[in-house]
């Protein structure tokens, strides 16, 4: 296995992940790094030329460029994979990779704090051979749950809501509470504030480049931002909140058992306190 971008959080995670699973791992980055059990390659070519699988773990804006650089140095019959959170350019780059290489268009739905011993969710966007790529992903990332997304457009549209909207909301929340006496608020706050502040603080641990890519580079995010702002303004301006809140609750209840969500929240908190 070869990991390109090993100084980054996810590059470091996957380097350690492959080493833990017993693979021979070489890794490269322009920045210094060290991962136990992983060979630090002096150049990109040295890192990838003998690898059976090359995993590109660089910022979204650089992924397509690195895919093109890697394919020039890889041996015939090997596989080139990337994990960017926005797929339009990365997918096109993989589509154009030379035919004697196989490809994987992946998106790990977890962060660098994930437990390697537990099953994690990985998205797969088929590029050339759905069955073959699924089998290869399941082999390379055994134990993970591989979820197939039909195409790059569907991926980006879904991620705009799943990650883009989530980052937008939590970044805005973080911007507000950062100007308050947060220790005092936490001292008097209850479960809801505690959970929300943890979410916002966790989002802010990500590199600004990742958050910016999710909010700026995904073409579908702006529509969700606009819808959120419209909803927020409606809540802020209406004089009769009860009917509006009742309507939102009813619409959400059609798709999700809200009481079950409430029980799950306290179950998560209880389990967390017991670990």
Foldseek 3Di string as FASTA:
>chain_A
DEEEPCVDLVNVLVQQLLQVVPDAYEYEYPDDDDHPNYHDDPDLLRRAAPDQEYEYEDFPVCQLVVLVVRLVRYDFNHEYEYAYQQPPSNLVSQLPRDPRYHYWYKHWPDGSVDDSVAAGEMETEDRDDVVVRVVVCCVSNPRYHYHYDDHNLSSLLVLLVVPVLLLVVLCVVCVVCVPPPVVVCVVPDDDVVVVSPVSSVVSVVDDPSNNCCSHPVRPNNVVVVVVVVVVVVCCVPDPDNVVVVVVVVVVVCVPDPVVVVVVVSVVVVVVVVVD
